[in-house]
């Protein structure tokens, strides 16, 4: 079995067309400490090839959340993602957003943790929505752009040079 970069599941080279069957397989998907992916049931265990990430985040919902029973009931931003298998996950300390930046091309590859060891690649359209919500913050003494969700800041990339200039123009 194989999961393609676009989130399509294959069995013996053919795509699995029934979403319910894919959801069943996804429910028994695990990731080993060495990075390999396994389908694991109580009676059987088999390796599965994953080209990038086992899931794809295809939609993002932005909302303001407040817990009236929290010691600090201030409203906060919450970002919830829907995967290609209709699993919903809200970015927080247990479900972080991470963005891998290719060192050569600077192309971002964004992900959100769905379950321990299992990530969803955030598709391009959703990533553009995420970037639109980005704001500058200082992290470890450097300016970065990122987003907040559930009181956790998730860096996306270094802040552009224009944000460092006193009059808003880029520094050379």
C-alpha atoms as a PDB file:
ATOM      1  CA  UNK A   1       0.000   0.000   0.000  1.00  0.00           C
ATOM      2  CA  UNK A   2       1.049   3.569  -0.650  1.00  0.00           C
ATOM      3  CA  UNK A   3      -0.178   7.076   0.144  1.00  0.00           C
ATOM      4  CA  UNK A   4       0.682   9.565  -2.617  1.00  0.00           C
ATOM      5  CA  UNK A   5       1.723  13.159  -1.976  1.00  0.00           C
ATOM      6  CA  UNK A   6      -1.793  14.352  -2.896  1.00  0.00           C
ATOM      7  CA  UNK A   7      -3.337  12.128  -0.185  1.00  0.00           C
ATOM      8  CA  UNK A   8      -4.574   9.368  -2.518  1.00  0.00           C
ATOM      9  CA  UNK A   9      -4.311   5.868  -1.034  1.00  0.00           C
ATOM     10  CA  UNK A  10      -3.248   3.046  -3.378  1.00  0.00           C
ATOM     11  CA  UNK A  11      -3.459  -0.723  -3.084  1.00  0.00           C
ATOM     12  CA  UNK A  12      -1.348  -2.728  -5.551  1.00  0.00           C
ATOM     13  CA  UNK A  13      -0.991   0.329  -7.785  1.00  0.00           C
ATOM     14  CA  UNK A  14      -4.702   1.182  -7.982  1.00  0.00           C
ATOM     15  CA  UNK A  15      -6.310   4.061  -6.096  1.00  0.00           C
ATOM     16  CA  UNK A  16      -8.723   3.099  -3.337  1.00  0.00           C
ATOM     17  CA  UNK A  17     -11.963   4.778  -4.394  1.00  0.00           C
ATOM     18  CA  UNK A  18     -14.089   4.217  -1.316  1.00  0.00           C
ATOM     19  CA  UNK A  19     -13.484   6.961   1.234  1.00  0.00           C
ATOM     20  CA  UNK A  20     -14.963   4.812   4.013  1.00  0.00           C
ATOM     21  CA  UNK A  21     -12.331   2.136   3.354  1.00  0.00           C
ATOM     22  CA  UNK A  22      -9.526   4.710   3.363  1.00  0.00           C
ATOM     23  CA  UNK A  23     -10.863   6.104   6.666  1.00  0.00           C
ATOM     24  CA  UNK A  24     -10.820   2.588   8.112  1.00  0.00           C
ATOM     25  CA  UNK A  25      -7.184   2.086   7.076  1.00  0.00           C
ATOM     26  CA  UNK A  26      -6.292   5.568   8.380  1.00  0.00           C
ATOM     27  CA  UNK A  27      -7.748   4.682  11.778  1.00  0.00           C
ATOM     28  CA  UNK A  28      -5.120   1.933  12.228  1.00  0.00           C
ATOM     29  CA  UNK A  29      -2.194   3.924  10.785  1.00  0.00           C
ATOM     30  CA  UNK A  30       0.782   4.334  13.132  1.00  0.00           C
ATOM     31  CA  UNK A  31       4.276   5.781  12.809  1.00  0.00           C
ATOM     32  CA  UNK A  32       7.252   3.943  14.239  1.00  0.00           C
ATOM     33  CA  UNK A  33      10.168   5.600  16.046  1.00  0.00           C
ATOM     34  CA  UNK A  34      12.348   5.062  12.944  1.00  0.00           C
ATOM     35  CA  UNK A  35       9.873   7.045  10.799  1.00  0.00           C
ATOM     36  CA  UNK A  36       8.245   4.129   8.990  1.00  0.00           C
ATOM     37  CA  UNK A  37       4.473   3.935   8.706  1.00  0.00           C
ATOM     38  CA  UNK A  38       2.519   0.821   9.674  1.00  0.00           C
ATOM     39  CA  UNK A  39      -1.071  -0.335   9.432  1.00  0.00           C
ATOM     40  CA  UNK A  40      -1.638  -2.128  12.706  1.00  0.00           C
ATOM     41  CA  UNK A  41      -4.670  -4.120  13.793  1.00  0.00           C
ATOM     42  CA  UNK A  42      -4.887  -6.471  16.786  1.00  0.00           C
ATOM     43  CA  UNK A  43      -4.101  -9.438  14.500  1.00  0.00           C
ATOM     44  CA  UNK A  44      -2.049  -8.018  11.633  1.00  0.00           C
ATOM     45  CA  UNK A  45       0.692  -5.504  10.945  1.00  0.00           C
ATOM     46  CA  UNK A  46       1.976  -4.235   7.597  1.00  0.00           C
ATOM     47  CA  UNK A  47       4.231  -1.493   6.304  1.00  0.00           C
ATOM     48  CA  UNK A  48       2.803   1.304   4.162  1.00  0.00           C
ATOM     49  CA  UNK A  49       4.767   3.729   1.969  1.00  0.00           C
ATOM     50  CA  UNK A  50       3.985   7.413   2.501  1.00  0.00           C
ATOM     51  CA  UNK A  51       5.388   9.852  -0.078  1.00  0.00           C
ATOM     52  CA  UNK A  52       5.076  12.976   2.090  1.00  0.00           C
ATOM     53  CA  UNK A  53       2.441  12.981   4.843  1.00  0.00           C
ATOM     54  CA  UNK A  54      -0.446  10.559   5.306  1.00  0.00           C
ATOM     55  CA  UNK A  55      -3.087  13.304   5.307  1.00  0.00           C
ATOM     56  CA  UNK A  56      -3.728  16.617   3.551  1.00  0.00           C
ATOM     57  CA  UNK A  57      -5.283  19.640   5.279  1.00  0.00           C
ATOM     58  CA  UNK A  58      -7.826  20.826   2.695  1.00  0.00           C
ATOM     59  CA  UNK A  59      -9.726  23.465   4.656  1.00  0.00           C
ATOM     60  CA  UNK A  60      -9.102  25.834   7.556  1.00  0.00           C
ATOM     61  CA  UNK A  61     -11.622  27.414   9.893  1.00  0.00           C
ATOM     62  CA  UNK A  62     -10.725  30.578  11.803  1.00  0.00           C
ATOM     63  CA  UNK A  63     -12.709  31.487  14.875  1.00  0.00           C
ATOM     64  CA  UNK A  64     -12.448  33.364  18.127  1.00  0.00           C
ATOM     65  CA  UNK A  65     -12.599  31.038  21.122  1.00  0.00           C
ATOM     66  CA  UNK A  66     -13.111  31.787  24.780  1.00  0.00           C
ATOM     67  CA  UNK A  67     -13.335  29.437  27.722  1.00  0.00           C
ATOM     68  CA  UNK A  68     -15.597  31.129  30.293  1.00  0.00           C
ATOM     69  CA  UNK A  69     -14.214  28.848  33.038  1.00  0.00           C
ATOM     70  CA  UNK A  70     -10.545  29.563  32.320  1.00  0.00           C
ATOM     71  CA  UNK A  71      -8.603  31.731  34.797  1.00  0.00           C
ATOM     72  CA  UNK A  72      -7.932  34.127  31.896  1.00  0.00           C
ATOM     73  CA  UNK A  73     -11.173  34.115  29.846  1.00  0.00           C
ATOM     74  CA  UNK A  74      -9.809  36.449  27.152  1.00  0.00           C
ATOM     75  CA  UNK A  75     -10.870  35.493  23.620  1.00  0.00           C
ATOM     76  CA  UNK A  76      -8.198  33.815  21.537  1.00  0.00           C
ATOM     77  CA  UNK A  77      -7.730  32.812  17.923  1.00  0.00           C
ATOM     78  CA  UNK A  78      -8.341  29.144  17.095  1.00  0.00           C
ATOM     79  CA  UNK A  79      -7.347  27.582  13.776  1.00  0.00           C
ATOM     80  CA  UNK A  80      -9.026  24.293  12.942  1.00  0.00           C
ATOM     81  CA  UNK A  81      -8.091  22.198   9.920  1.00  0.00           C
ATOM     82  CA  UNK A  82     -10.175  19.623   8.048  1.00  0.00           C
ATOM     83  CA  UNK A  83      -8.218  16.807   6.427  1.00  0.00           C
ATOM     84  CA  UNK A  84      -8.955  15.008   3.188  1.00  0.00           C
ATOM     85  CA  UNK A  85     -10.511  12.270   5.361  1.00  0.00           C
ATOM     86  CA  UNK A  86     -12.756  14.779   7.197  1.00  0.00           C
ATOM     87  CA  UNK A  87     -10.793  14.598  10.434  1.00  0.00           C
ATOM     88  CA  UNK A  88     -10.859  17.921  12.316  1.00  0.00           C
ATOM     89  CA  UNK A  89      -7.810  19.127  14.235  1.00  0.00           C
ATOM     90  CA  UNK A  90      -7.281  22.439  16.039  1.00  0.00           C
ATOM     91  CA  UNK A  91      -3.706  23.715  16.134  1.00  0.00           C
ATOM     92  CA  UNK A  92      -2.450  23.823  19.719  1.00  0.00           C
ATOM     93  CA  UNK A  93       0.474  22.589  21.808  1.00  0.00           C
ATOM     94  CA  UNK A  94      -0.423  18.941  21.051  1.00  0.00           C
ATOM     95  CA  UNK A  95      -1.196  19.620  17.372  1.00  0.00           C
ATOM     96  CA  UNK A  96       1.526  22.021  16.247  1.00  0.00           C
ATOM     97  CA  UNK A  97       1.876  23.673  12.879  1.00  0.00           C
ATOM     98  CA  UNK A  98       5.353  23.412  11.413  1.00  0.00           C
ATOM     99  CA  UNK A  99       6.717  24.831   8.183  1.00  0.00           C
ATOM    100  CA  UNK A 100       9.757  23.271   6.554  1.00  0.00           C
ATOM    101  CA  UNK A 101      11.527  25.801   4.305  1.00  0.00           C
ATOM    102  CA  UNK A 102      13.591  24.278   1.500  1.00  0.00           C
ATOM    103  CA  UNK A 103      17.072  25.769   2.023  1.00  0.00           C
ATOM    104  CA  UNK A 104      17.736  25.995  -1.725  1.00  0.00           C
ATOM    105  CA  UNK A 105      14.416  27.182  -3.183  1.00  0.00           C
ATOM    106  CA  UNK A 106      12.852  28.735  -0.030  1.00  0.00           C
ATOM    107  CA  UNK A 107       9.653  26.860  -0.909  1.00  0.00           C
ATOM    108  CA  UNK A 108       7.568  26.252   2.226  1.00  0.00           C
ATOM    109  CA  UNK A 109       6.152  22.816   3.104  1.00  0.00           C
ATOM    110  CA  UNK A 110       3.604  23.354   5.890  1.00  0.00           C
ATOM    111  CA  UNK A 111       2.198  20.608   8.134  1.00  0.00           C
ATOM    112  CA  UNK A 112      -0.116  20.229  11.113  1.00  0.00           C
ATOM    113  CA  UNK A 113       0.038  17.305  13.557  1.00  0.00           C
ATOM    114  CA  UNK A 114      -3.149  15.227  13.407  1.00  0.00           C
ATOM    115  CA  UNK A 115      -2.237  12.415  15.816  1.00  0.00           C
ATOM    116  CA  UNK A 116       1.084  11.554  17.444  1.00  0.00           C
ATOM    117  CA  UNK A 117       3.559  10.998  14.621  1.00  0.00           C
ATOM    118  CA  UNK A 118       0.959  11.572  11.890  1.00  0.00           C
ATOM    119  CA  UNK A 119       0.865  14.897  10.087  1.00  0.00           C
ATOM    120  CA  UNK A 120      -1.285  16.494   7.422  1.00  0.00           C
ATOM    121  CA  UNK A 121       0.447  18.508   4.723  1.00  0.00           C
ATOM    122  CA  UNK A 122      -1.343  21.847   4.488  1.00  0.00           C
ATOM    123  CA  UNK A 123      -2.352  22.348   0.849  1.00  0.00           C
ATOM    124  CA  UNK A 124      -1.385  25.509  -1.023  1.00  0.00           C
ATOM    125  CA  UNK A 125      -4.776  27.267  -0.845  1.00  0.00           C
ATOM    126  CA  UNK A 126      -5.062  26.672   2.910  1.00  0.00           C
ATOM    127  CA  UNK A 127      -1.458  27.806   3.413  1.00  0.00           C
ATOM    128  CA  UNK A 128      -2.279  31.103   1.651  1.00  0.00           C
ATOM    129  CA  UNK A 129      -5.156  31.571   4.114  1.00  0.00           C
ATOM    130  CA  UNK A 130      -2.776  30.837   6.973  1.00  0.00           C
ATOM    131  CA  UNK A 131      -0.219  33.362   5.686  1.00  0.00           C
ATOM    132  CA  UNK A 132      -2.951  36.003   5.444  1.00  0.00           C
ATOM    133  CA  UNK A 133      -3.430  35.631   9.215  1.00  0.00           C
ATOM    134  CA  UNK A 134       0.311  35.834   9.948  1.00  0.00           C
ATOM    135  CA  UNK A 135       1.722  38.542  12.172  1.00  0.00           C
ATOM    136  CA  UNK A 136       5.253  39.463  13.188  1.00  0.00           C
ATOM    137  CA  UNK A 137       6.585  38.342  16.569  1.00  0.00           C
ATOM    138  CA  UNK A 138      10.020  38.230  18.149  1.00  0.00           C
ATOM    139  CA  UNK A 139      11.119  34.649  18.859  1.00  0.00           C
ATOM    140  CA  UNK A 140      14.565  33.954  20.334  1.00  0.00           C
ATOM    141  CA  UNK A 141      15.656  37.486  19.435  1.00  0.00           C
ATOM    142  CA  UNK A 142      14.676  37.348  15.756  1.00  0.00           C
ATOM    143  CA  UNK A 143      11.649  38.683  13.902  1.00  0.00           C
ATOM    144  CA  UNK A 144       9.448  35.964  12.439  1.00  0.00           C
ATOM    145  CA  UNK A 145       6.004  35.786  10.874  1.00  0.00           C
ATOM    146  CA  UNK A 146       3.571  33.292  12.301  1.00  0.00           C
ATOM    147  CA  UNK A 147       0.089  32.576  13.548  1.00  0.00           C
ATOM    148  CA  UNK A 148      -1.520  32.118  16.936  1.00  0.00           C
ATOM    149  CA  UNK A 149      -3.911  29.304  17.818  1.00  0.00           C
ATOM    150  CA  UNK A 150      -5.028  28.298  21.309  1.00  0.00           C
ATOM    151  CA  UNK A 151      -2.469  30.681  22.923  1.00  0.00           C
ATOM    152  CA  UNK A 152       0.429  29.036  21.022  1.00  0.00           C
ATOM    153  CA  UNK A 153       2.502  30.911  18.425  1.00  0.00           C
ATOM    154  CA  UNK A 154       3.565  28.939  15.344  1.00  0.00           C
ATOM    155  CA  UNK A 155       6.359  30.527  13.271  1.00  0.00           C
ATOM    156  CA  UNK A 156       5.956  30.350   9.498  1.00  0.00           C
ATOM    157  CA  UNK A 157       9.110  32.096   8.244  1.00  0.00           C
ATOM    158  CA  UNK A 158      11.543  34.893   8.924  1.00  0.00           C
ATOM    159  CA  UNK A 159       9.949  38.342   8.795  1.00  0.00           C
ATOM    160  CA  UNK A 160      10.625  40.211   5.546  1.00  0.00           C
ATOM    161  CA  UNK A 161      13.314  42.880   5.652  1.00  0.00           C
ATOM    162  CA  UNK A 162      10.679  45.589   5.084  1.00  0.00           C
ATOM    163  CA  UNK A 163       9.418  45.015   8.621  1.00  0.00           C
ATOM    164  CA  UNK A 164      12.863  45.865   9.987  1.00  0.00           C
ATOM    165  CA  UNK A 165      13.112  49.247   8.276  1.00  0.00           C
ATOM    166  CA  UNK A 166      11.986  52.271  10.320  1.00  0.00           C
ATOM    167  CA  UNK A 167       9.997  53.817   7.424  1.00  0.00           C
ATOM    168  CA  UNK A 168       8.640  50.520   6.020  1.00  0.00           C
ATOM    169  CA  UNK A 169      11.089  50.283   3.112  1.00  0.00           C
ATOM    170  CA  UNK A 170      13.299  47.287   2.578  1.00  0.00           C
ATOM    171  CA  UNK A 171      16.817  47.428   3.918  1.00  0.00           C
ATOM    172  CA  UNK A 172      19.670  46.608   1.541  1.00  0.00           C
END
